[in-house]
Amino acid sequence: MNFLNAGCGTHYAEGWVNTDVWDDGVTTKPDVKVEPGKPYPFPDNHFDAVFLGHVLEHIPWKEVPAFLKDMMRVAKPNAPFLISGPDVLKTIQRWANKQEPWHMVLSTMEHQDINYQPGRENEWWDGAHHHWNCHHDRVWKLLQNCGFSSLVDVCDLIPKNTMGKNWKHENINWPVVGHWYWQFAILCNNSDKMV
């Protein structure tokens, strides 16, 4: 089976084809370096499952639908997708309830090349800034508009573990990394139409 971990960043997943726009040869070492805004270099209907973990918010908002359409192209009909990322609205609510520190709100919001995580403030984010404020409802609507089906909110099914490396669901070992309460996670299926 062929599995795609698109936008792997520093989270290389064994058994998956790991892609990213960045390759520093040290912490970010994808199997395939891809070009931003260009179609992925894979044939149509190739992957059995696609993981998009903390990747959509790093793509300019107006380019996200085209990116998702390309992910649909390289995935087989009805292939499962797991999409996770920061939920700005949930993070703000958790901060208001004194469940998250302010730096987490800043980390999830749209920002440009600034790392707000304590102890990492001086790190360059190598283009990993957030282009838009990502949250569950916005992504859900985007997925529906792009033609994904069988959307399910699985955030509460994934164990909350900042050191976690995966989540096993229906015989797929999804490379979910560091899942926590301020994130969203949506499981859905590709269109059933052949490309």
C-alpha atoms as a PDB file:
ATOM      1  CA  MET A   1       0.000   0.000   0.000  1.00  0.00           C
ATOM      2  CA  ASN A   2       1.117   3.559  -0.705  1.00  0.00           C
ATOM      3  CA  PHE A   3       0.691   6.195   1.998  1.00  0.00           C
ATOM      4  CA  LEU A   4       1.425   9.929   1.598  1.00  0.00           C
ATOM      5  CA  ASN A   5       2.561  12.159   4.475  1.00  0.00           C
ATOM      6  CA  ALA A   6       2.344  15.546   2.737  1.00  0.00           C
ATOM      7  CA  GLY A   7       4.215  18.356   4.475  1.00  0.00           C
ATOM      8  CA  CYS A   8       6.098  16.072   6.855  1.00  0.00           C
ATOM      9  CA  GLY A   9       8.332  18.782   8.312  1.00  0.00           C
ATOM     10  CA  THR A  10      10.496  17.301  11.047  1.00  0.00           C
ATOM     11  CA  HIS A  11       8.083  14.387  11.529  1.00  0.00           C
ATOM     12  CA  TYR A  12       9.326  11.675   9.191  1.00  0.00           C
ATOM     13  CA  ALA A  13       6.911   8.719   9.126  1.00  0.00           C
ATOM     14  CA  GLU A  14       8.323   5.255   8.431  1.00  0.00           C
ATOM     15  CA  GLY A  15       6.312   3.377   5.817  1.00  0.00           C
ATOM     16  CA  TRP A  16       4.937   6.588   4.303  1.00  0.00           C
ATOM     17  CA  VAL A  17       6.138   8.707   1.382  1.00  0.00           C
ATOM     18  CA  ASN A  18       7.184  11.886   3.183  1.00  0.00           C
ATOM     19  CA  THR A  19       7.113  15.143   1.218  1.00  0.00           C
ATOM     20  CA  ASP A  20       7.913  18.739   2.038  1.00  0.00           C
ATOM     21  CA  VAL A  21       8.927  21.994   0.358  1.00  0.00           C
ATOM     22  CA  TRP A  22      11.904  22.236   2.708  1.00  0.00           C
ATOM     23  CA  ASP A  23      14.896  19.913   3.071  1.00  0.00           C
ATOM     24  CA  ASP A  24      17.676  20.987   5.396  1.00  0.00           C
ATOM     25  CA  GLY A  25      19.253  17.517   5.469  1.00  0.00           C
ATOM     26  CA  VAL A  26      19.248  17.553   9.265  1.00  0.00           C
ATOM     27  CA  THR A  27      15.804  17.797  10.878  1.00  0.00           C
ATOM     28  CA  THR A  28      13.620  18.041   7.775  1.00  0.00           C
ATOM     29  CA  LYS A  29      14.508  15.234   5.380  1.00  0.00           C
ATOM     30  CA  PRO A  30      11.575  14.351   3.124  1.00  0.00           C
ATOM     31  CA  ASP A  31      11.719  11.440   0.692  1.00  0.00           C
ATOM     32  CA  VAL A  32      10.559  13.832  -2.015  1.00  0.00           C
ATOM     33  CA  LYS A  33      11.097  17.587  -2.006  1.00  0.00           C
ATOM     34  CA  VAL A  34       8.161  19.279  -3.723  1.00  0.00           C
ATOM     35  CA  GLU A  35       7.808  22.747  -5.210  1.00  0.00           C
ATOM     36  CA  PRO A  36       5.308  25.121  -3.572  1.00  0.00           C
ATOM     37  CA  GLY A  37       2.289  25.746  -5.792  1.00  0.00           C
ATOM     38  CA  LYS A  38       3.223  22.982  -8.253  1.00  0.00           C
ATOM     39  CA  PRO A  39       1.426  19.649  -8.767  1.00  0.00           C
ATOM     40  CA  TYR A  40       2.825  16.783  -6.744  1.00  0.00           C
ATOM     41  CA  PRO A  41       5.185  14.557  -8.778  1.00  0.00           C
ATOM     42  CA  PHE A  42       3.062  11.417  -8.472  1.00  0.00           C
ATOM     43  CA  PRO A  43       0.682   9.710 -10.886  1.00  0.00           C
ATOM     44  CA  ASP A  44      -3.087   9.975 -10.588  1.00  0.00           C
ATOM     45  CA  ASN A  45      -4.856   7.544  -8.219  1.00  0.00           C
ATOM     46  CA  HIS A  46      -1.580   6.452  -6.595  1.00  0.00           C
ATOM     47  CA  PHE A  47      -1.987   6.688  -2.801  1.00  0.00           C
ATOM     48  CA  ASP A  48      -4.177   4.522  -0.569  1.00  0.00           C
ATOM     49  CA  ALA A  49      -4.261   7.138   2.228  1.00  0.00           C
ATOM     50  CA  VAL A  50      -3.122  10.746   2.696  1.00  0.00           C
ATOM     51  CA  PHE A  51      -2.116  12.495   5.925  1.00  0.00           C
ATOM     52  CA  LEU A  52      -2.108  16.303   6.072  1.00  0.00           C
ATOM     53  CA  GLY A  53      -0.801  17.096   9.543  1.00  0.00           C
ATOM     54  CA  HIS A  54      -0.302  20.781  10.294  1.00  0.00           C
ATOM     55  CA  VAL A  55       0.212  21.606   6.623  1.00  0.00           C
ATOM     56  CA  LEU A  56      -2.827  23.515   5.311  1.00  0.00           C
ATOM     57  CA  GLU A  57      -2.202  26.621   7.433  1.00  0.00           C
ATOM     58  CA  HIS A  58       1.274  26.907   5.870  1.00  0.00           C
ATOM     59  CA  ILE A  59      -0.215  27.358   2.399  1.00  0.00           C
ATOM     60  CA  PRO A  60      -1.638  30.747   1.365  1.00  0.00           C
ATOM     61  CA  TRP A  61      -5.442  30.596   1.757  1.00  0.00           C
ATOM     62  CA  LYS A  62      -6.235  31.180  -1.916  1.00  0.00           C
ATOM     63  CA  GLU A  63      -3.931  28.286  -2.889  1.00  0.00           C
ATOM     64  CA  VAL A  64      -5.347  25.717  -0.449  1.00  0.00           C
ATOM     65  CA  PRO A  65      -8.239  24.506  -2.690  1.00  0.00           C
ATOM     66  CA  ALA A  66      -5.825  23.826  -5.580  1.00  0.00           C
ATOM     67  CA  PHE A  67      -3.493  21.984  -3.190  1.00  0.00           C
ATOM     68  CA  LEU A  68      -6.362  19.839  -1.900  1.00  0.00           C
ATOM     69  CA  LYS A  69      -7.526  19.094  -5.446  1.00  0.00           C
ATOM     70  CA  ASP A  70      -4.003  17.898  -6.256  1.00  0.00           C
ATOM     71  CA  MET A  71      -4.017  15.685  -3.144  1.00  0.00           C
ATOM     72  CA  MET A  72      -7.331  14.259  -4.368  1.00  0.00           C
ATOM     73  CA  ARG A  73      -5.749  13.637  -7.769  1.00  0.00           C
ATOM     74  CA  VAL A  74      -2.824  11.604  -6.392  1.00  0.00           C
ATOM     75  CA  ALA A  75      -5.098   9.630  -4.013  1.00  0.00           C
ATOM     76  CA  LYS A  76      -7.174   6.663  -5.089  1.00  0.00           C
ATOM     77  CA  PRO A  77     -10.958   7.080  -5.250  1.00  0.00           C
ATOM     78  CA  ASN A  78     -12.478   6.898  -1.748  1.00  0.00           C
ATOM     79  CA  ALA A  79      -9.000   6.903  -0.148  1.00  0.00           C
ATOM     80  CA  PRO A  80      -9.096   8.078   3.469  1.00  0.00           C
ATOM     81  CA  PHE A  81      -7.575  11.430   4.386  1.00  0.00           C
ATOM     82  CA  LEU A  82      -6.707  12.574   7.886  1.00  0.00           C
ATOM     83  CA  ILE A  83      -6.329  16.341   8.206  1.00  0.00           C
ATOM     84  CA  SER A  84      -5.152  17.880  11.473  1.00  0.00           C
ATOM     85  CA  GLY A  85      -3.882  21.260  12.510  1.00  0.00           C
ATOM     86  CA  PRO A  86      -4.135  24.104  14.971  1.00  0.00           C
ATOM     87  CA  ASP A  87      -7.604  25.328  15.868  1.00  0.00           C
ATOM     88  CA  VAL A  88      -7.250  29.049  16.583  1.00  0.00           C
ATOM     89  CA  LEU A  89     -10.788  29.405  17.965  1.00  0.00           C
ATOM     90  CA  LYS A  90     -10.414  26.414  20.283  1.00  0.00           C
ATOM     91  CA  THR A  91      -7.042  27.716  21.474  1.00  0.00           C
ATOM     92  CA  ILE A  92      -8.455  31.158  22.280  1.00  0.00           C
ATOM     93  CA  GLN A  93     -11.327  29.544  24.207  1.00  0.00           C
ATOM     94  CA  ARG A  94      -8.899  27.340  26.138  1.00  0.00           C
ATOM     95  CA  TRP A  95      -6.760  30.409  26.933  1.00  0.00           C
ATOM     96  CA  ALA A  96      -9.864  32.294  28.161  1.00  0.00           C
ATOM     97  CA  ASN A  97     -10.587  29.309  30.432  1.00  0.00           C
ATOM     98  CA  LYS A  98      -6.976  29.389  31.698  1.00  0.00           C
ATOM     99  CA  GLN A  99      -6.223  26.021  30.071  1.00  0.00           C
ATOM    100  CA  GLU A 100      -3.556  27.280  27.636  1.00  0.00           C
ATOM    101  CA  PRO A 101      -0.843  29.943  27.938  1.00  0.00           C
ATOM    102  CA  TRP A 102      -0.975  33.028  25.722  1.00  0.00           C
ATOM    103  CA  HIS A 103       2.015  31.867  23.666  1.00  0.00           C
ATOM    104  CA  MET A 104      -0.116  28.975  22.377  1.00  0.00           C
ATOM    105  CA  VAL A 105      -2.673  31.449  21.053  1.00  0.00           C
ATOM    106  CA  LEU A 106       0.117  33.326  19.301  1.00  0.00           C
ATOM    107  CA  SER A 107       1.582  30.064  17.952  1.00  0.00           C
ATOM    108  CA  THR A 108      -1.666  28.975  16.338  1.00  0.00           C
ATOM    109  CA  MET A 109      -2.621  32.330  14.834  1.00  0.00           C
ATOM    110  CA  GLU A 110      -1.583  33.689  11.475  1.00  0.00           C
ATOM    111  CA  HIS A 111       2.030  34.809  11.888  1.00  0.00           C
ATOM    112  CA  GLN A 112       5.129  35.411   9.822  1.00  0.00           C
ATOM    113  CA  ASP A 113       8.320  33.520  10.671  1.00  0.00           C
ATOM    114  CA  ILE A 114       8.016  34.017  14.437  1.00  0.00           C
ATOM    115  CA  ASN A 115       8.206  31.103  16.838  1.00  0.00           C
ATOM    116  CA  TYR A 116       6.282  31.919  20.005  1.00  0.00           C
ATOM    117  CA  GLN A 117       7.070  28.655  21.787  1.00  0.00           C
ATOM    118  CA  PRO A 118       9.066  29.198  25.022  1.00  0.00           C
ATOM    119  CA  GLY A 119      12.748  28.524  24.566  1.00  0.00           C
ATOM    120  CA  ARG A 120      12.411  28.597  20.770  1.00  0.00           C
ATOM    121  CA  GLU A 121      11.677  32.299  20.229  1.00  0.00           C
ATOM    122  CA  ASN A 122      14.937  32.876  18.368  1.00  0.00           C
ATOM    123  CA  GLU A 123      14.572  29.940  15.977  1.00  0.00           C
ATOM    124  CA  TRP A 124      14.006  30.748  12.324  1.00  0.00           C
ATOM    125  CA  TRP A 125      10.890  28.943  11.125  1.00  0.00           C
ATOM    126  CA  ASP A 126      12.251  28.243   7.627  1.00  0.00           C
ATOM    127  CA  GLY A 127       9.068  29.393   5.939  1.00  0.00           C
ATOM    128  CA  ALA A 128       6.821  27.514   8.354  1.00  0.00           C
ATOM    129  CA  HIS A 129       4.680  30.527   9.174  1.00  0.00           C
ATOM    130  CA  HIS A 130       0.892  30.359   9.234  1.00  0.00           C
ATOM    131  CA  HIS A 131      -0.729  32.141   6.297  1.00  0.00           C
ATOM    132  CA  TRP A 132      -4.282  32.091   7.677  1.00  0.00           C
ATOM    133  CA  ASN A 133      -6.190  31.453  10.892  1.00  0.00           C
ATOM    134  CA  CYS A 134      -7.016  27.769  10.772  1.00  0.00           C
ATOM    135  CA  HIS A 135      -9.906  26.228  12.711  1.00  0.00           C
ATOM    136  CA  HIS A 136     -12.170  23.200  12.552  1.00  0.00           C
ATOM    137  CA  ASP A 137     -15.264  24.802  11.005  1.00  0.00           C
ATOM    138  CA  ARG A 138     -13.301  26.640   8.327  1.00  0.00           C
ATOM    139  CA  VAL A 139     -11.427  23.486   7.288  1.00  0.00           C
ATOM    140  CA  TRP A 140     -14.597  21.366   7.433  1.00  0.00           C
ATOM    141  CA  LYS A 141     -16.369  23.718   5.001  1.00  0.00           C
ATOM    142  CA  LEU A 142     -13.293  23.835   2.766  1.00  0.00           C
ATOM    143  CA  LEU A 143     -13.168  20.025   2.583  1.00  0.00           C
ATOM    144  CA  GLN A 144     -16.865  19.842   1.732  1.00  0.00           C
ATOM    145  CA  ASN A 145     -16.479  22.488  -0.980  1.00  0.00           C
ATOM    146  CA  CYS A 146     -13.569  20.561  -2.500  1.00  0.00           C
ATOM    147  CA  GLY A 147     -15.659  17.395  -2.788  1.00  0.00           C
ATOM    148  CA  PHE A 148     -14.451  15.261   0.121  1.00  0.00           C
ATOM    149  CA  SER A 149     -17.061  12.934   1.609  1.00  0.00           C
ATOM    150  CA  SER A 150     -17.846  11.139   4.875  1.00  0.00           C
ATOM    151  CA  LEU A 151     -16.321  13.854   7.060  1.00  0.00           C
ATOM    152  CA  VAL A 152     -15.928  12.850  10.717  1.00  0.00           C
ATOM    153  CA  ASP A 153     -14.511  14.889  13.596  1.00  0.00           C
ATOM    154  CA  VAL A 154     -11.988  12.488  15.179  1.00  0.00           C
ATOM    155  CA  CYS A 155     -10.220  14.961  17.450  1.00  0.00           C
ATOM    156  CA  ASP A 156     -11.547  13.325  20.609  1.00  0.00           C
ATOM    157  CA  LEU A 157     -10.686   9.820  19.349  1.00  0.00           C
ATOM    158  CA  ILE A 158      -6.974  10.569  19.037  1.00  0.00           C
ATOM    159  CA  PRO A 159      -5.169  10.282  22.389  1.00  0.00           C
ATOM    160  CA  LYS A 160      -3.936  13.602  23.762  1.00  0.00           C
ATOM    161  CA  ASN A 161      -0.193  13.089  24.021  1.00  0.00           C
ATOM    162  CA  THR A 162       2.355  15.780  23.199  1.00  0.00           C
ATOM    163  CA  MET A 163       4.960  13.039  22.760  1.00  0.00           C
ATOM    164  CA  GLY A 164       2.687  10.824  20.629  1.00  0.00           C
ATOM    165  CA  LYS A 165       3.892   9.702  17.209  1.00  0.00           C
ATOM    166  CA  ASN A 166       0.898   7.909  15.672  1.00  0.00           C
ATOM    167  CA  TRP A 167      -2.748   6.894  15.851  1.00  0.00           C
ATOM    168  CA  LYS A 168      -3.950   3.506  14.651  1.00  0.00           C
ATOM    169  CA  HIS A 169      -7.368   3.610  13.021  1.00  0.00           C
ATOM    170  CA  GLU A 170      -8.921   1.007  10.717  1.00  0.00           C
ATOM    171  CA  ASN A 171      -5.600  -0.689   9.915  1.00  0.00           C
ATOM    172  CA  ILE A 172      -3.781   2.557   9.137  1.00  0.00           C
ATOM    173  CA  ASN A 173      -1.063   3.791  11.464  1.00  0.00           C
ATOM    174  CA  TRP A 174      -1.555   7.535  10.912  1.00  0.00           C
ATOM    175  CA  PRO A 175       1.568   9.635  11.709  1.00  0.00           C
ATOM    176  CA  VAL A 176      -0.249  11.984  14.103  1.00  0.00           C
ATOM    177  CA  VAL A 177       2.409  13.803  16.129  1.00  0.00           C
ATOM    178  CA  GLY A 178       1.894  15.522  19.475  1.00  0.00           C
ATOM    179  CA  HIS A 179      -1.903  15.700  19.312  1.00  0.00           C
ATOM    180  CA  TRP A 180      -3.333  18.073  21.923  1.00  0.00           C
ATOM    181  CA  TYR A 181      -6.598  19.782  22.915  1.00  0.00           C
ATOM    182  CA  TRP A 182      -6.012  22.954  20.858  1.00  0.00           C
ATOM    183  CA  GLN A 183      -5.938  21.026  17.589  1.00  0.00           C
ATOM    184  CA  PHE A 184      -8.605  19.738  15.224  1.00  0.00           C
ATOM    185  CA  ALA A 185      -8.622  16.426  13.353  1.00  0.00           C
ATOM    186  CA  ILE A 186     -10.959  15.503  10.509  1.00  0.00           C
ATOM    187  CA  LEU A 187     -11.114  12.107   8.854  1.00  0.00           C
ATOM    188  CA  CYS A 188     -12.722  12.048   5.398  1.00  0.00           C
ATOM    189  CA  ASN A 189     -12.693  10.245   2.084  1.00  0.00           C
ATOM    190  CA  ASN A 190     -11.544  11.257  -1.347  1.00  0.00           C
ATOM    191  CA  SER A 191     -14.141  11.587  -4.051  1.00  0.00           C
ATOM    192  CA  ASP A 192     -15.211   8.274  -5.557  1.00  0.00           C
ATOM    193  CA  LYS A 193     -14.525   9.558  -9.078  1.00  0.00           C
ATOM    194  CA  MET A 194     -11.471   8.408 -10.971  1.00  0.00           C
ATOM    195  CA  VAL A 195      -9.194  11.219 -12.129  1.00  0.00           C
END
